[in-house]
Amino acid sequence: MTSCRGILVAGVTNRARTQMAEGLLRGMTGNRIFVQSGGFRYRATLHPLAVDVMREVGLDIAHQSPSSLEGAQRQRYTYDVYVSVDAPYTNRTEGRYERTHAQQQTEDDDGRGLYSDPLLAPATPAHWSVAFDAADTREKWELWSPRDPTIFHEDSTRKFQDHLYEGEPLFMRSQLSLLRRAAKVSERWEVPEVAEPFAMEREGPQRERFVAARNALYEHCVRLVRHLESFYGEELLVNDDLVRRFEEQKPVKH
């Protein structure tokens, strides 16, 4: 075994990229490190193309299954490494990362959603509460209302003019994920989304995107394992056959 207690790979759906990263890390380290992946909105099954392209390099991830990060949040101090796999900002589709308050995994819920008084300001719209990356940082907007007892006690109502600010999103707070804060080593990998096909995209082009994502994740995983070897002073990259297979696939530079 190793001194590293575990690696947590976080994503949005835990269906393709994070599952491939989990399989790569397990294969590279020979299962010497506990590796777990999860998503904040996980799907029921793995993407079949992810299983297919990983089998090409001798790794079988068919036995893996998508899971939620809710359990990992309760056991966040048992992981030494936290990695988030996110799409580049330039390739994102606005709306996929927006979630309502009820769908969010809040670590420090202060009970603002417990009030049912109809005179209170309405609930925060979804587009005012956005999950960035793998919910690493979340902007939380709070609507101003003098009838909200939590706002009344935290911020003096005498500082505002009620008729001007009623219902306005005046308070914004950025929250960093406790999963990342509790980790000794933290990284963020940018890998384009592959699980959802483009409009009119056939299986062949989508499979090529899976292969590109797998190769990109391999580079990230090798760099992470090398960093952990330096961090812990232990040999962790023990699967030389896997490294050789990836190196043979690289195009020859002339």
C-alpha atoms as a PDB file:
ATOM      1  CA  MET A   1       0.000   0.000   0.000  1.00  0.00           C
ATOM      2  CA  THR A   2       0.952   3.661  -0.007  1.00  0.00           C
ATOM      3  CA  SER A   3       0.783   6.680   2.269  1.00  0.00           C
ATOM      4  CA  CYS A   4      -1.804   8.326  -0.009  1.00  0.00           C
ATOM      5  CA  ARG A   5      -5.204   7.629   1.490  1.00  0.00           C
ATOM      6  CA  GLY A   6      -7.165   8.067  -1.710  1.00  0.00           C
ATOM      7  CA  ILE A   7      -7.876   9.998  -4.899  1.00  0.00           C
ATOM      8  CA  LEU A   8     -11.287  11.489  -5.601  1.00  0.00           C
ATOM      9  CA  VAL A   9     -12.149  12.393  -9.209  1.00  0.00           C
ATOM     10  CA  ALA A  10     -15.164  14.702  -9.395  1.00  0.00           C
ATOM     11  CA  GLY A  11     -17.296  15.634 -12.367  1.00  0.00           C
ATOM     12  CA  VAL A  12     -20.821  16.575 -13.303  1.00  0.00           C
ATOM     13  CA  THR A  13     -22.390  13.321 -14.541  1.00  0.00           C
ATOM     14  CA  ASN A  14     -19.706  10.699 -13.737  1.00  0.00           C
ATOM     15  CA  ARG A  15     -20.515   8.842 -16.926  1.00  0.00           C
ATOM     16  CA  ALA A  16     -17.478   9.127 -19.210  1.00  0.00           C
ATOM     17  CA  ARG A  17     -14.448  11.342 -18.479  1.00  0.00           C
ATOM     18  CA  THR A  18     -14.285  10.790 -14.724  1.00  0.00           C
ATOM     19  CA  GLN A  19     -14.825   7.056 -15.163  1.00  0.00           C
ATOM     20  CA  MET A  20     -11.959   6.862 -17.664  1.00  0.00           C
ATOM     21  CA  ALA A  21      -9.735   8.851 -15.298  1.00  0.00           C
ATOM     22  CA  GLU A  22     -10.605   6.468 -12.461  1.00  0.00           C
ATOM     23  CA  GLY A  23      -9.692   3.469 -14.604  1.00  0.00           C
ATOM     24  CA  LEU A  24      -6.426   5.047 -15.739  1.00  0.00           C
ATOM     25  CA  LEU A  25      -5.326   5.930 -12.212  1.00  0.00           C
ATOM     26  CA  ARG A  26      -6.155   2.460 -10.933  1.00  0.00           C
ATOM     27  CA  GLY A  27      -4.308   0.859 -13.826  1.00  0.00           C
ATOM     28  CA  MET A  28      -1.215   3.034 -13.478  1.00  0.00           C
ATOM     29  CA  THR A  29      -0.873   2.500  -9.746  1.00  0.00           C
ATOM     30  CA  GLY A  30      -1.759  -1.197  -9.798  1.00  0.00           C
ATOM     31  CA  ASN A  31      -4.649  -0.573  -7.368  1.00  0.00           C
ATOM     32  CA  ARG A  32      -2.166   0.492  -4.697  1.00  0.00           C
ATOM     33  CA  ILE A  33      -4.174   3.693  -4.181  1.00  0.00           C
ATOM     34  CA  PHE A  34      -7.900   3.827  -3.529  1.00  0.00           C
ATOM     35  CA  VAL A  35      -9.453   5.765  -6.422  1.00  0.00           C
ATOM     36  CA  GLN A  36     -13.087   6.858  -6.487  1.00  0.00           C
ATOM     37  CA  SER A  37     -15.005   9.011  -8.957  1.00  0.00           C
ATOM     38  CA  GLY A  38     -18.361  10.676  -8.577  1.00  0.00           C
ATOM     39  CA  GLY A  39     -20.701  13.243 -10.023  1.00  0.00           C
ATOM     40  CA  PHE A  40     -23.071  15.853  -8.700  1.00  0.00           C
ATOM     41  CA  ARG A  41     -25.722  14.752 -11.198  1.00  0.00           C
ATOM     42  CA  TYR A  42     -24.612  11.212 -11.901  1.00  0.00           C
ATOM     43  CA  ARG A  43     -26.232   9.029 -14.571  1.00  0.00           C
ATOM     44  CA  ALA A  44     -27.345   5.429 -14.207  1.00  0.00           C
ATOM     45  CA  THR A  45     -24.842   3.723 -16.517  1.00  0.00           C
ATOM     46  CA  LEU A  46     -21.399   4.186 -18.013  1.00  0.00           C
ATOM     47  CA  HIS A  47     -21.186   5.406 -21.562  1.00  0.00           C
ATOM     48  CA  PRO A  48     -20.494   2.360 -23.788  1.00  0.00           C
ATOM     49  CA  LEU A  49     -17.920   4.278 -25.828  1.00  0.00           C
ATOM     50  CA  ALA A  50     -15.939   4.965 -22.659  1.00  0.00           C
ATOM     51  CA  VAL A  51     -15.782   1.227 -21.968  1.00  0.00           C
ATOM     52  CA  ASP A  52     -14.835   0.563 -25.600  1.00  0.00           C
ATOM     53  CA  VAL A  53     -11.940   3.017 -25.883  1.00  0.00           C
ATOM     54  CA  MET A  54     -10.522   1.987 -22.509  1.00  0.00           C
ATOM     55  CA  ARG A  55     -10.561  -1.656 -23.540  1.00  0.00           C
ATOM     56  CA  GLU A  56      -8.299  -0.693 -26.456  1.00  0.00           C
ATOM     57  CA  VAL A  57      -5.477   0.055 -24.021  1.00  0.00           C
ATOM     58  CA  GLY A  58      -6.069  -3.032 -21.912  1.00  0.00           C
ATOM     59  CA  LEU A  59      -8.211  -1.498 -19.163  1.00  0.00           C
ATOM     60  CA  ASP A  60     -11.659  -2.877 -18.349  1.00  0.00           C
ATOM     61  CA  ILE A  61     -13.930  -0.345 -16.649  1.00  0.00           C
ATOM     62  CA  ALA A  62     -17.183  -2.181 -17.356  1.00  0.00           C
ATOM     63  CA  HIS A  63     -17.399  -3.178 -13.690  1.00  0.00           C
ATOM     64  CA  GLN A  64     -17.351   0.466 -12.574  1.00  0.00           C
ATOM     65  CA  SER A  65     -20.610   2.270 -11.932  1.00  0.00           C
ATOM     66  CA  PRO A  66     -21.530   5.968 -11.676  1.00  0.00           C
ATOM     67  CA  SER A  67     -21.992   7.271  -8.172  1.00  0.00           C
ATOM     68  CA  SER A  68     -22.873  10.454  -6.353  1.00  0.00           C
ATOM     69  CA  LEU A  69     -20.430  12.700  -4.536  1.00  0.00           C
ATOM     70  CA  GLU A  70     -22.786  12.979  -1.580  1.00  0.00           C
ATOM     71  CA  GLY A  71     -21.050  10.143   0.251  1.00  0.00           C
ATOM     72  CA  ALA A  72     -17.638  11.571  -0.584  1.00  0.00           C
ATOM     73  CA  GLN A  73     -18.636  14.881   0.971  1.00  0.00           C
ATOM     74  CA  ARG A  74     -19.394  13.125   4.251  1.00  0.00           C
ATOM     75  CA  GLN A  75     -16.026  11.329   4.068  1.00  0.00           C
ATOM     76  CA  ARG A  76     -14.037  14.208   2.602  1.00  0.00           C
ATOM     77  CA  TYR A  77     -11.204  13.900   5.121  1.00  0.00           C
ATOM     78  CA  THR A  78     -10.420  10.363   3.940  1.00  0.00           C
ATOM     79  CA  TYR A  79      -9.147  11.575   0.531  1.00  0.00           C
ATOM     80  CA  ASP A  80      -5.734  13.157   0.090  1.00  0.00           C
ATOM     81  CA  VAL A  81      -6.160  14.099  -3.582  1.00  0.00           C
ATOM     82  CA  TYR A  82      -9.077  15.918  -5.202  1.00  0.00           C
ATOM     83  CA  VAL A  83      -9.292  16.244  -8.986  1.00  0.00           C
ATOM     84  CA  SER A  84     -12.105  17.942 -10.891  1.00  0.00           C
ATOM     85  CA  VAL A  85     -12.583  17.137 -14.571  1.00  0.00           C
ATOM     86  CA  ASP A  86     -14.284  20.050 -16.286  1.00  0.00           C
ATOM     87  CA  ALA A  87     -15.002  21.243 -19.788  1.00  0.00           C
ATOM     88  CA  PRO A  88     -13.008  24.259 -21.016  1.00  0.00           C
ATOM     89  CA  TYR A  89     -14.893  27.497 -20.485  1.00  0.00           C
ATOM     90  CA  THR A  90     -14.905  28.226 -24.217  1.00  0.00           C
ATOM     91  CA  ASN A  91     -16.719  24.957 -24.981  1.00  0.00           C
ATOM     92  CA  ARG A  92     -19.423  25.159 -22.361  1.00  0.00           C
ATOM     93  CA  THR A  93     -23.135  25.408 -22.968  1.00  0.00           C
ATOM     94  CA  GLU A  94     -24.787  27.807 -20.556  1.00  0.00           C
ATOM     95  CA  GLY A  95     -27.512  26.081 -18.619  1.00  0.00           C
ATOM     96  CA  ARG A  96     -25.907  22.680 -18.090  1.00  0.00           C
ATOM     97  CA  TYR A  97     -24.159  23.868 -14.952  1.00  0.00           C
ATOM     98  CA  GLU A  98     -27.126  25.705 -13.486  1.00  0.00           C
ATOM     99  CA  ARG A  99     -28.970  23.989 -10.683  1.00  0.00           C
ATOM    100  CA  THR A 100     -31.720  25.011  -8.337  1.00  0.00           C
ATOM    101  CA  HIS A 101     -31.117  25.255  -4.609  1.00  0.00           C
ATOM    102  CA  ALA A 102     -32.897  21.933  -4.008  1.00  0.00           C
ATOM    103  CA  GLN A 103     -30.510  20.108  -6.354  1.00  0.00           C
ATOM    104  CA  GLN A 104     -27.320  21.515  -4.842  1.00  0.00           C
ATOM    105  CA  GLN A 105     -25.193  19.632  -2.353  1.00  0.00           C
ATOM    106  CA  THR A 106     -24.817  22.379   0.235  1.00  0.00           C
ATOM    107  CA  GLU A 107     -22.166  21.841   2.881  1.00  0.00           C
ATOM    108  CA  ASP A 108     -23.092  24.807   5.040  1.00  0.00           C
ATOM    109  CA  ASP A 109     -26.814  25.255   4.568  1.00  0.00           C
ATOM    110  CA  ASP A 110     -27.851  28.042   6.889  1.00  0.00           C
ATOM    111  CA  GLY A 111     -31.537  27.218   6.751  1.00  0.00           C
ATOM    112  CA  ARG A 112     -32.671  30.061   4.532  1.00  0.00           C
ATOM    113  CA  GLY A 113     -34.841  27.682   2.544  1.00  0.00           C
ATOM    114  CA  LEU A 114     -36.795  26.571   5.619  1.00  0.00           C
ATOM    115  CA  TYR A 115     -39.081  29.605   5.761  1.00  0.00           C
ATOM    116  CA  SER A 116     -42.470  29.147   4.134  1.00  0.00           C
ATOM    117  CA  ASP A 117     -43.950  32.574   4.811  1.00  0.00           C
ATOM    118  CA  PRO A 118     -45.680  33.641   1.557  1.00  0.00           C
ATOM    119  CA  LEU A 119     -44.818  37.269   2.301  1.00  0.00           C
ATOM    120  CA  LEU A 120     -41.130  36.541   1.961  1.00  0.00           C
ATOM    121  CA  ALA A 121     -39.310  37.226  -1.267  1.00  0.00           C
ATOM    122  CA  PRO A 122     -39.589  34.375  -3.804  1.00  0.00           C
ATOM    123  CA  ALA A 123     -36.942  31.692  -4.081  1.00  0.00           C
ATOM    124  CA  THR A 124     -33.702  32.524  -5.873  1.00  0.00           C
ATOM    125  CA  PRO A 125     -34.043  31.869  -9.614  1.00  0.00           C
ATOM    126  CA  ALA A 126     -31.874  29.098 -11.029  1.00  0.00           C
ATOM    127  CA  HIS A 127     -29.772  31.453 -13.132  1.00  0.00           C
ATOM    128  CA  TRP A 128     -28.663  33.302  -9.985  1.00  0.00           C
ATOM    129  CA  SER A 129     -27.225  30.133  -8.483  1.00  0.00           C
ATOM    130  CA  VAL A 130     -24.588  28.678 -10.784  1.00  0.00           C
ATOM    131  CA  ALA A 131     -22.225  25.750 -10.205  1.00  0.00           C
ATOM    132  CA  PHE A 132     -18.801  26.454 -11.706  1.00  0.00           C
ATOM    133  CA  ASP A 133     -16.517  23.591 -12.700  1.00  0.00           C
ATOM    134  CA  ALA A 134     -17.418  20.493 -10.691  1.00  0.00           C
ATOM    135  CA  ALA A 135     -19.187  22.696  -8.135  1.00  0.00           C
ATOM    136  CA  ASP A 136     -15.777  23.857  -6.896  1.00  0.00           C
ATOM    137  CA  THR A 137     -17.021  27.392  -6.458  1.00  0.00           C
ATOM    138  CA  ARG A 138     -20.637  28.390  -6.219  1.00  0.00           C
ATOM    139  CA  GLU A 139     -22.131  31.867  -6.326  1.00  0.00           C
ATOM    140  CA  LYS A 140     -25.058  32.180  -3.965  1.00  0.00           C
ATOM    141  CA  TRP A 141     -27.321  35.202  -4.390  1.00  0.00           C
ATOM    142  CA  GLU A 142     -29.655  36.175  -1.564  1.00  0.00           C
ATOM    143  CA  LEU A 143     -32.768  38.216  -2.211  1.00  0.00           C
ATOM    144  CA  TRP A 144     -33.294  41.255  -0.053  1.00  0.00           C
ATOM    145  CA  SER A 145     -36.424  41.275   2.063  1.00  0.00           C
ATOM    146  CA  PRO A 146     -37.007  43.065   5.379  1.00  0.00           C
ATOM    147  CA  ARG A 147     -39.404  40.250   6.334  1.00  0.00           C
ATOM    148  CA  ASP A 148     -36.709  37.584   6.143  1.00  0.00           C
ATOM    149  CA  PRO A 149     -35.654  37.108   9.799  1.00  0.00           C
ATOM    150  CA  THR A 150     -32.177  35.861   8.848  1.00  0.00           C
ATOM    151  CA  ILE A 151     -31.451  38.983   6.816  1.00  0.00           C
ATOM    152  CA  PHE A 152     -32.967  41.166   9.536  1.00  0.00           C
ATOM    153  CA  HIS A 153     -30.540  39.816  12.135  1.00  0.00           C
ATOM    154  CA  GLU A 154     -27.443  39.603   9.920  1.00  0.00           C
ATOM    155  CA  ASP A 155     -27.759  42.968   8.180  1.00  0.00           C
ATOM    156  CA  SER A 156     -29.500  45.979   9.633  1.00  0.00           C
ATOM    157  CA  THR A 157     -32.685  46.789   7.709  1.00  0.00           C
ATOM    158  CA  ARG A 158     -32.186  50.481   8.440  1.00  0.00           C
ATOM    159  CA  LYS A 159     -29.371  50.625   5.885  1.00  0.00           C
ATOM    160  CA  PHE A 160     -31.687  49.996   2.957  1.00  0.00           C
ATOM    161  CA  GLN A 161     -34.790  51.561   1.469  1.00  0.00           C
ATOM    162  CA  ASP A 162     -37.323  48.761   1.381  1.00  0.00           C
ATOM    163  CA  HIS A 163     -39.349  50.028  -1.575  1.00  0.00           C
ATOM    164  CA  LEU A 164     -36.209  50.224  -3.760  1.00  0.00           C
ATOM    165  CA  TYR A 165     -34.500  46.952  -2.875  1.00  0.00           C
ATOM    166  CA  GLU A 166     -37.399  44.584  -2.218  1.00  0.00           C
ATOM    167  CA  GLY A 167     -36.720  41.325  -4.058  1.00  0.00           C
ATOM    168  CA  GLU A 168     -33.336  42.392  -5.435  1.00  0.00           C
ATOM    169  CA  PRO A 169     -30.341  40.006  -5.332  1.00  0.00           C
ATOM    170  CA  LEU A 170     -28.114  42.149  -3.149  1.00  0.00           C
ATOM    171  CA  PHE A 171     -25.989  39.592  -1.314  1.00  0.00           C
ATOM    172  CA  MET A 172     -23.583  37.340  -3.198  1.00  0.00           C
ATOM    173  CA  ARG A 173     -21.270  34.830  -1.538  1.00  0.00           C
ATOM    174  CA  SER A 174     -18.688  32.595  -3.211  1.00  0.00           C
ATOM    175  CA  GLN A 175     -18.300  29.189  -1.584  1.00  0.00           C
ATOM    176  CA  LEU A 176     -15.349  26.882  -2.216  1.00  0.00           C
ATOM    177  CA  SER A 177     -16.047  23.159  -2.216  1.00  0.00           C
ATOM    178  CA  LEU A 178     -15.139  21.482   1.047  1.00  0.00           C
ATOM    179  CA  LEU A 179     -13.890  18.499  -0.937  1.00  0.00           C
ATOM    180  CA  ARG A 180     -11.157  20.635  -2.468  1.00  0.00           C
ATOM    181  CA  ARG A 181     -10.344  22.432   0.766  1.00  0.00           C
ATOM    182  CA  ALA A 182      -9.897  19.159   2.656  1.00  0.00           C
ATOM    183  CA  ALA A 183      -7.459  17.672   0.116  1.00  0.00           C
ATOM    184  CA  LYS A 184      -3.678  17.799   0.401  1.00  0.00           C
ATOM    185  CA  VAL A 185      -3.240  17.808  -3.387  1.00  0.00           C
ATOM    186  CA  SER A 186      -5.810  19.512  -5.603  1.00  0.00           C
ATOM    187  CA  GLU A 187      -5.945  19.783  -9.381  1.00  0.00           C
ATOM    188  CA  ARG A 188      -8.352  20.845 -12.103  1.00  0.00           C
ATOM    189  CA  TRP A 189      -8.256  19.171 -15.519  1.00  0.00           C
ATOM    190  CA  GLU A 190      -9.861  20.695 -18.595  1.00  0.00           C
ATOM    191  CA  VAL A 191     -11.152  17.984 -20.933  1.00  0.00           C
ATOM    192  CA  PRO A 192     -13.972  18.641 -23.454  1.00  0.00           C
ATOM    193  CA  GLU A 193     -17.294  16.919 -22.872  1.00  0.00           C
ATOM    194  CA  VAL A 194     -17.822  13.752 -24.875  1.00  0.00           C
ATOM    195  CA  ALA A 195     -20.863  11.953 -23.443  1.00  0.00           C
ATOM    196  CA  GLU A 196     -23.461  14.014 -25.305  1.00  0.00           C
ATOM    197  CA  PRO A 197     -23.275  13.740 -29.120  1.00  0.00           C
ATOM    198  CA  PHE A 198     -23.372  16.831 -31.264  1.00  0.00           C
ATOM    199  CA  ALA A 199     -26.351  17.466 -33.505  1.00  0.00           C
ATOM    200  CA  MET A 200     -26.367  14.950 -36.386  1.00  0.00           C
ATOM    201  CA  GLU A 201     -23.114  13.425 -35.091  1.00  0.00           C
ATOM    202  CA  ARG A 202     -22.550   9.770 -35.917  1.00  0.00           C
ATOM    203  CA  GLU A 203     -20.903   7.250 -33.641  1.00  0.00           C
ATOM    204  CA  GLY A 204     -17.579   7.360 -35.503  1.00  0.00           C
ATOM    205  CA  PRO A 205     -16.795  11.052 -34.909  1.00  0.00           C
ATOM    206  CA  GLN A 206     -18.013  10.814 -31.321  1.00  0.00           C
ATOM    207  CA  ARG A 207     -15.753   7.835 -30.742  1.00  0.00           C
ATOM    208  CA  GLU A 208     -12.811   9.878 -32.005  1.00  0.00           C
ATOM    209  CA  ARG A 209     -13.636  12.495 -29.384  1.00  0.00           C
ATOM    210  CA  PHE A 210     -13.646   9.755 -26.742  1.00  0.00           C
ATOM    211  CA  VAL A 211     -10.194   8.619 -27.874  1.00  0.00           C
ATOM    212  CA  ALA A 212      -8.906  12.202 -27.716  1.00  0.00           C
ATOM    213  CA  ALA A 213     -10.366  12.613 -24.222  1.00  0.00           C
ATOM    214  CA  ARG A 214      -8.810   9.321 -23.112  1.00  0.00           C
ATOM    215  CA  ASN A 215      -5.377  10.382 -24.368  1.00  0.00           C
ATOM    216  CA  ALA A 216      -5.703  13.797 -22.705  1.00  0.00           C
ATOM    217  CA  LEU A 217      -6.712  12.166 -19.421  1.00  0.00           C
ATOM    218  CA  TYR A 218      -3.729   9.841 -19.681  1.00  0.00           C
ATOM    219  CA  GLU A 219      -1.345  12.815 -19.820  1.00  0.00           C
ATOM    220  CA  HIS A 220      -3.048  14.378 -16.806  1.00  0.00           C
ATOM    221  CA  CYS A 221      -2.957  11.107 -14.863  1.00  0.00           C
ATOM    222  CA  VAL A 222       0.745  10.520 -15.549  1.00  0.00           C
ATOM    223  CA  ARG A 223       1.588  14.041 -14.431  1.00  0.00           C
ATOM    224  CA  LEU A 224      -0.517  13.618 -11.262  1.00  0.00           C
ATOM    225  CA  VAL A 225       1.046  10.277 -10.349  1.00  0.00           C
ATOM    226  CA  ARG A 226       4.545  11.673 -10.900  1.00  0.00           C
ATOM    227  CA  HIS A 227       3.652  14.597  -8.657  1.00  0.00           C
ATOM    228  CA  LEU A 228       2.364  12.221  -5.970  1.00  0.00           C
ATOM    229  CA  GLU A 229       5.578  10.216  -6.187  1.00  0.00           C
ATOM    230  CA  SER A 230       7.504  13.387  -5.409  1.00  0.00           C
ATOM    231  CA  PHE A 231       4.997  14.415  -2.728  1.00  0.00           C
ATOM    232  CA  TYR A 232       5.011  11.098  -0.841  1.00  0.00           C
ATOM    233  CA  GLY A 233       8.488   9.889  -1.798  1.00  0.00           C
ATOM    234  CA  GLU A 234       7.123   6.555  -3.030  1.00  0.00           C
ATOM    235  CA  GLU A 235       6.982   4.709  -6.336  1.00  0.00           C
ATOM    236  CA  LEU A 236       3.394   4.745  -7.572  1.00  0.00           C
ATOM    237  CA  LEU A 237       3.545   4.371 -11.370  1.00  0.00           C
ATOM    238  CA  VAL A 238       4.031   0.593 -11.503  1.00  0.00           C
ATOM    239  CA  ASN A 239       2.210  -0.402 -14.715  1.00  0.00           C
ATOM    240  CA  ASP A 240       4.898  -0.013 -17.363  1.00  0.00           C
ATOM    241  CA  ASP A 241       2.865  -1.955 -19.935  1.00  0.00           C
ATOM    242  CA  LEU A 242       0.088   0.638 -19.847  1.00  0.00           C
ATOM    243  CA  VAL A 243       2.567   3.478 -20.324  1.00  0.00           C
ATOM    244  CA  ARG A 244       4.182   1.646 -23.229  1.00  0.00           C
ATOM    245  CA  ARG A 245       0.834   1.118 -24.989  1.00  0.00           C
ATOM    246  CA  PHE A 246       0.050   4.818 -24.809  1.00  0.00           C
ATOM    247  CA  GLU A 247       3.521   5.808 -25.935  1.00  0.00           C
ATOM    248  CA  GLU A 248       3.234   3.516 -28.963  1.00  0.00           C
ATOM    249  CA  GLN A 249       0.001   5.245 -30.000  1.00  0.00           C
ATOM    250  CA  LYS A 250       1.580   8.688 -30.096  1.00  0.00           C
ATOM    251  CA  PRO A 251       2.349   9.960 -33.610  1.00  0.00           C
ATOM    252  CA  VAL A 252       6.015   9.996 -34.562  1.00  0.00           C
ATOM    253  CA  LYS A 253       7.444  13.529 -34.842  1.00  0.00           C
ATOM    254  CA  HIS A 254       9.619  14.171 -37.895  1.00  0.00           C
END
